[in-house]
């Protein structure tokens, strides 16, 4: 059995690629795994940065998450807009912070 068949992709991430009224994602499984792993890695890598910003700058978790979100939207963008929101929500989850209210 290939490693790709064992990969777990959360429903919250898979939903980014399922069009309304459809059941099947618009990208293939291999691409979905690649995109998910990139986004999950980004959320994990941002944990230290986010914690440090909150401590050093004395700002709220919402402010930290907003700053991180703006950073993900830079050029060239590594992730789509939808993926950037998912990364920030995942980051909040990893840090045990409330879900952000992104604009």
N, C-alpha and C. Protein backbone atom coordinates (compact mmCIF):
# COMPACT_ATOMS: atom_id res chain seq x y z
N UNK A 1 0.84 -1.17 0.00
CA UNK A 1 0.00 0.00 0.00
C UNK A 1 0.89 1.23 0.00
N UNK A 2 0.56 2.18 -0.84
CA UNK A 2 1.38 3.39 -0.93
C UNK A 2 1.12 4.32 0.24
N UNK A 3 2.11 5.15 0.54
CA UNK A 3 2.00 6.10 1.64
C UNK A 3 0.86 7.09 1.40
N UNK A 4 0.60 7.45 0.13
CA UNK A 4 -0.48 8.38 -0.19
C UNK A 4 -1.83 7.85 0.25
N UNK A 5 -2.02 6.54 0.19
CA UNK A 5 -3.29 5.96 0.58
C UNK A 5 -3.50 6.05 2.09
N UNK A 6 -2.44 6.25 2.86
CA UNK A 6 -2.51 6.30 4.30
C UNK A 6 -2.67 7.73 4.83
N UNK A 7 -2.46 8.72 3.98
CA UNK A 7 -2.46 10.11 4.43
C UNK A 7 -3.87 10.53 4.87
N UNK A 8 -3.93 11.20 6.02
CA UNK A 8 -5.19 11.72 6.53
C UNK A 8 -5.29 13.20 6.19
N UNK A 9 -6.36 13.57 5.57
CA UNK A 9 -6.62 14.97 5.24
C UNK A 9 -7.92 15.35 5.95
N UNK A 10 -7.86 16.36 6.85
CA UNK A 10 -9.07 16.74 7.57
C UNK A 10 -10.16 17.23 6.63
N UNK A 11 -11.39 17.00 7.04
CA UNK A 11 -12.53 17.46 6.25
C UNK A 11 -12.50 18.96 6.04
N UNK A 12 -12.02 19.71 7.04
CA UNK A 12 -11.98 21.17 6.93
C UNK A 12 -11.08 21.61 5.78
N UNK A 13 -10.01 20.85 5.54
CA UNK A 13 -9.11 21.20 4.43
C UNK A 13 -9.71 20.71 3.11
N UNK A 14 -10.23 19.51 3.10
CA UNK A 14 -10.81 18.96 1.88
C UNK A 14 -11.95 19.83 1.37
N UNK A 15 -12.70 20.44 2.30
CA UNK A 15 -13.83 21.29 1.92
C UNK A 15 -13.39 22.50 1.09
N UNK A 16 -12.13 22.90 1.20
CA UNK A 16 -11.63 24.02 0.40
C UNK A 16 -11.69 23.72 -1.09
N UNK A 17 -11.69 22.45 -1.43
CA UNK A 17 -11.61 22.03 -2.83
C UNK A 17 -12.87 21.33 -3.33
N UNK A 18 -13.93 21.38 -2.57
CA UNK A 18 -15.19 20.78 -3.01
C UNK A 18 -16.15 21.93 -3.34
N UNK A 19 -16.52 22.02 -4.59
CA UNK A 19 -17.43 23.08 -5.04
C UNK A 19 -18.83 22.84 -4.48
N UNK A 20 -19.59 23.92 -4.25
CA UNK A 20 -20.96 23.77 -3.74
C UNK A 20 -21.78 22.84 -4.63
N UNK A 21 -22.52 21.96 -3.99
CA UNK A 21 -23.36 21.02 -4.71
C UNK A 21 -22.62 19.80 -5.22
N UNK A 22 -21.34 19.72 -4.95
CA UNK A 22 -20.51 18.58 -5.39
C UNK A 22 -20.06 17.78 -4.18
N UNK A 23 -19.58 16.57 -4.45
CA UNK A 23 -19.07 15.72 -3.38
C UNK A 23 -17.58 15.43 -3.55
N UNK A 24 -17.12 15.57 -4.78
CA UNK A 24 -15.75 15.23 -5.11
C UNK A 24 -14.89 16.49 -5.21
N UNK A 25 -13.67 16.46 -4.63
CA UNK A 25 -12.78 17.61 -4.77
C UNK A 25 -12.40 17.87 -6.22
N UNK A 26 -12.12 19.12 -6.54
CA UNK A 26 -11.77 19.47 -7.92
C UNK A 26 -10.31 19.22 -8.25
N UNK A 27 -9.50 18.80 -7.26
CA UNK A 27 -8.11 18.41 -7.53
C UNK A 27 -7.92 16.96 -7.12
N UNK A 28 -6.91 16.33 -7.66
CA UNK A 28 -6.64 14.93 -7.37
C UNK A 28 -6.09 14.71 -5.97
N UNK A 29 -6.09 13.46 -5.56
CA UNK A 29 -5.64 13.09 -4.20
C UNK A 29 -4.18 13.47 -3.97
N UNK A 30 -3.31 13.21 -4.92
CA UNK A 30 -1.89 13.52 -4.75
C UNK A 30 -1.68 15.02 -4.57
N UNK A 31 -2.37 15.83 -5.36
CA UNK A 31 -2.27 17.28 -5.23
C UNK A 31 -2.86 17.73 -3.90
N UNK A 32 -3.97 17.13 -3.50
CA UNK A 32 -4.61 17.46 -2.22
C UNK A 32 -3.65 17.19 -1.07
N UNK A 33 -2.98 16.06 -1.09
CA UNK A 33 -2.02 15.71 -0.04
C UNK A 33 -0.87 16.71 -0.03
N UNK A 34 -0.38 17.06 -1.19
CA UNK A 34 0.73 18.02 -1.30
C UNK A 34 0.32 19.38 -0.72
N UNK A 35 -0.86 19.86 -1.09
CA UNK A 35 -1.34 21.16 -0.60
C UNK A 35 -1.58 21.12 0.92
N UNK A 36 -2.18 20.02 1.40
CA UNK A 36 -2.44 19.88 2.83
C UNK A 36 -1.14 19.88 3.62
N UNK A 37 -0.16 19.10 3.18
CA UNK A 37 1.11 19.03 3.90
C UNK A 37 1.81 20.38 3.94
N UNK A 38 1.74 21.14 2.85
CA UNK A 38 2.31 22.49 2.82
C UNK A 38 1.63 23.37 3.87
N UNK A 39 0.31 23.36 3.88
CA UNK A 39 -0.45 24.21 4.81
C UNK A 39 -0.25 23.78 6.26
N UNK A 40 -0.25 22.51 6.51
CA UNK A 40 -0.02 22.01 7.88
C UNK A 40 1.38 22.39 8.36
N UNK A 41 2.36 22.24 7.49
CA UNK A 41 3.73 22.63 7.84
C UNK A 41 3.82 24.13 8.13
N UNK A 42 3.14 24.93 7.34
CA UNK A 42 3.16 26.38 7.56
C UNK A 42 2.55 26.73 8.92
N UNK A 43 1.45 26.12 9.25
CA UNK A 43 0.81 26.38 10.55
C UNK A 43 1.76 26.01 11.69
N UNK A 44 2.42 24.88 11.57
CA UNK A 44 3.36 24.46 12.61
C UNK A 44 4.57 25.37 12.69
N UNK A 45 5.07 25.81 11.55
CA UNK A 45 6.23 26.70 11.54
C UNK A 45 5.89 28.07 12.12
N UNK A 46 4.66 28.51 11.99
CA UNK A 46 4.26 29.82 12.49
C UNK A 46 4.02 29.85 13.99
N UNK A 47 3.97 28.70 14.64
CA UNK A 47 3.67 28.65 16.07
C UNK A 47 4.66 29.47 16.88
N UNK A 48 5.94 29.29 16.66
CA UNK A 48 6.95 30.01 17.42
C UNK A 48 6.89 31.51 17.14
N UNK A 49 6.75 31.86 15.87
CA UNK A 49 6.65 33.27 15.48
C UNK A 49 5.46 33.93 16.16
N UNK A 50 4.31 33.26 16.13
CA UNK A 50 3.10 33.83 16.71
C UNK A 50 3.24 34.00 18.23
N UNK A 51 3.76 32.99 18.89
CA UNK A 51 3.94 33.07 20.34
C UNK A 51 4.90 34.19 20.71
N UNK A 52 5.98 34.31 19.96
CA UNK A 52 6.98 35.36 20.21
C UNK A 52 6.39 36.74 19.99
N UNK A 53 5.63 36.90 18.91
CA UNK A 53 5.00 38.20 18.63
C UNK A 53 4.07 38.60 19.77
N UNK A 54 3.27 37.66 20.24
CA UNK A 54 2.33 37.99 21.29
C UNK A 54 3.08 38.44 22.55
N UNK A 55 4.14 37.73 22.90
CA UNK A 55 4.90 38.06 24.10
C UNK A 55 5.69 39.37 23.94
N UNK A 56 6.45 39.46 22.85
CA UNK A 56 7.33 40.62 22.65
C UNK A 56 6.57 41.91 22.39
N UNK A 57 5.49 41.83 21.62
CA UNK A 57 4.75 43.03 21.26
C UNK A 57 3.59 43.32 22.21
N UNK A 58 3.24 42.35 23.03
CA UNK A 58 2.14 42.54 23.97
C UNK A 58 0.81 42.74 23.28
N UNK A 59 0.59 42.03 22.17
CA UNK A 59 -0.66 42.18 21.41
C UNK A 59 -1.55 40.96 21.63
N UNK A 60 -2.79 41.09 21.25
CA UNK A 60 -3.76 40.00 21.44
C UNK A 60 -3.53 38.88 20.43
N UNK A 61 -4.02 37.68 20.74
CA UNK A 61 -3.95 36.60 19.76
C UNK A 61 -4.60 36.98 18.42
N UNK A 62 -5.73 37.70 18.45
CA UNK A 62 -6.38 38.11 17.20
C UNK A 62 -5.46 38.99 16.36
N UNK A 63 -4.73 39.91 17.02
CA UNK A 63 -3.80 40.77 16.30
C UNK A 63 -2.65 39.96 15.70
N UNK A 64 -2.15 39.01 16.46
CA UNK A 64 -1.06 38.15 15.97
C UNK A 64 -1.54 37.36 14.75
N UNK A 65 -2.72 36.78 14.85
CA UNK A 65 -3.24 35.97 13.75
C UNK A 65 -3.49 36.82 12.51
N UNK A 66 -3.97 38.04 12.71
CA UNK A 66 -4.19 38.96 11.58
C UNK A 66 -2.87 39.28 10.90
N UNK A 67 -1.83 39.53 11.68
CA UNK A 67 -0.50 39.81 11.11
C UNK A 67 0.02 38.61 10.31
N UNK A 68 -0.13 37.43 10.88
CA UNK A 68 0.32 36.21 10.19
C UNK A 68 -0.47 36.01 8.90
N UNK A 69 -1.77 36.29 8.94
CA UNK A 69 -2.61 36.14 7.76
C UNK A 69 -2.16 37.09 6.65
N UNK A 70 -1.89 38.34 7.02
CA UNK A 70 -1.40 39.30 6.02
C UNK A 70 -0.08 38.82 5.41
N UNK A 71 0.78 38.23 6.24
CA UNK A 71 2.05 37.70 5.74
C UNK A 71 1.87 36.58 4.73
N UNK A 72 0.86 35.75 4.95
CA UNK A 72 0.60 34.65 4.01
C UNK A 72 0.06 35.15 2.68
N UNK A 73 -0.50 36.33 2.67
CA UNK A 73 -1.08 36.89 1.45
C UNK A 73 -0.06 37.66 0.62
N UNK A 74 1.18 37.66 1.04
CA UNK A 74 2.22 38.39 0.32
C UNK A 74 2.46 37.83 -1.07
N UNK A 75 3.32 38.52 -1.80
CA UNK A 75 3.65 38.10 -3.16
C UNK A 75 5.08 37.61 -3.17
N UNK A 76 5.39 36.50 -3.75
CA UNK A 76 4.45 35.57 -4.37
C UNK A 76 3.74 34.73 -3.31
N UNK A 77 2.49 34.48 -3.53
CA UNK A 77 1.69 33.71 -2.58
C UNK A 77 1.99 32.22 -2.73
N UNK A 78 2.29 31.60 -1.60
CA UNK A 78 2.53 30.16 -1.61
C UNK A 78 1.23 29.38 -1.46
N UNK A 79 0.24 30.05 -0.89
CA UNK A 79 -1.05 29.41 -0.65
C UNK A 79 -2.16 30.28 -1.21
N UNK A 80 -3.29 29.66 -1.49
CA UNK A 80 -4.45 30.41 -1.97
C UNK A 80 -5.06 31.18 -0.80
N UNK A 81 -5.97 32.09 -1.10
CA UNK A 81 -6.67 32.85 -0.04
C UNK A 81 -7.38 31.89 0.91
N UNK A 82 -8.07 30.90 0.37
CA UNK A 82 -8.80 29.94 1.20
C UNK A 82 -7.83 29.15 2.07
N UNK A 83 -6.72 28.75 1.49
CA UNK A 83 -5.72 28.01 2.26
C UNK A 83 -5.12 28.88 3.36
N UNK A 84 -4.90 30.17 3.08
CA UNK A 84 -4.32 31.04 4.10
C UNK A 84 -5.25 31.16 5.31
N UNK A 85 -6.55 31.21 5.09
CA UNK A 85 -7.50 31.24 6.20
C UNK A 85 -7.42 29.93 6.97
N UNK A 86 -7.34 28.80 6.26
CA UNK A 86 -7.23 27.51 6.92
C UNK A 86 -5.96 27.44 7.77
N UNK A 87 -4.84 27.92 7.23
CA UNK A 87 -3.56 27.90 7.96
C UNK A 87 -3.70 28.70 9.26
N UNK A 88 -4.31 29.85 9.21
CA UNK A 88 -4.45 30.69 10.40
C UNK A 88 -5.40 30.05 11.41
N UNK A 89 -6.47 29.46 10.94
CA UNK A 89 -7.37 28.75 11.86
C UNK A 89 -6.66 27.55 12.50
N UNK A 90 -5.86 26.86 11.72
CA UNK A 90 -5.09 25.73 12.26
C UNK A 90 -4.04 26.23 13.26
N UNK A 91 -3.40 27.34 12.96
CA UNK A 91 -2.43 27.93 13.88
C UNK A 91 -3.10 28.26 15.21
N UNK A 92 -4.26 28.88 15.17
CA UNK A 92 -5.00 29.20 16.39
C UNK A 92 -5.31 27.92 17.17
N UNK A 93 -5.71 26.88 16.46
CA UNK A 93 -6.01 25.61 17.11
C UNK A 93 -4.76 25.03 17.78
N UNK A 94 -3.63 25.06 17.10
CA UNK A 94 -2.38 24.54 17.65
C UNK A 94 -1.94 25.30 18.90
N UNK A 95 -2.23 26.60 18.93
CA UNK A 95 -1.83 27.44 20.07
C UNK A 95 -2.91 27.51 21.16
N UNK A 96 -4.01 26.81 20.94
CA UNK A 96 -5.14 26.84 21.86
C UNK A 96 -5.68 28.26 22.04
N UNK A 97 -5.71 28.99 20.94
CA UNK A 97 -6.28 30.33 20.91
C UNK A 97 -7.68 30.24 20.30
N UNK A 98 -8.53 31.22 20.57
CA UNK A 98 -9.87 31.22 19.95
C UNK A 98 -9.74 31.34 18.42
N UNK A 99 -10.73 30.79 17.73
CA UNK A 99 -10.75 30.91 16.27
C UNK A 99 -10.78 32.38 15.87
N UNK A 100 -9.97 32.74 14.89
CA UNK A 100 -9.89 34.14 14.50
C UNK A 100 -11.10 34.59 13.68
N UNK A 101 -11.31 35.88 13.67
CA UNK A 101 -12.34 36.49 12.83
C UNK A 101 -11.58 37.27 11.76
N UNK A 102 -11.24 36.58 10.69
CA UNK A 102 -10.44 37.20 9.63
C UNK A 102 -11.32 37.99 8.70
N UNK A 103 -10.76 39.08 8.18
CA UNK A 103 -11.50 39.96 7.25
C UNK A 103 -11.35 39.47 5.84
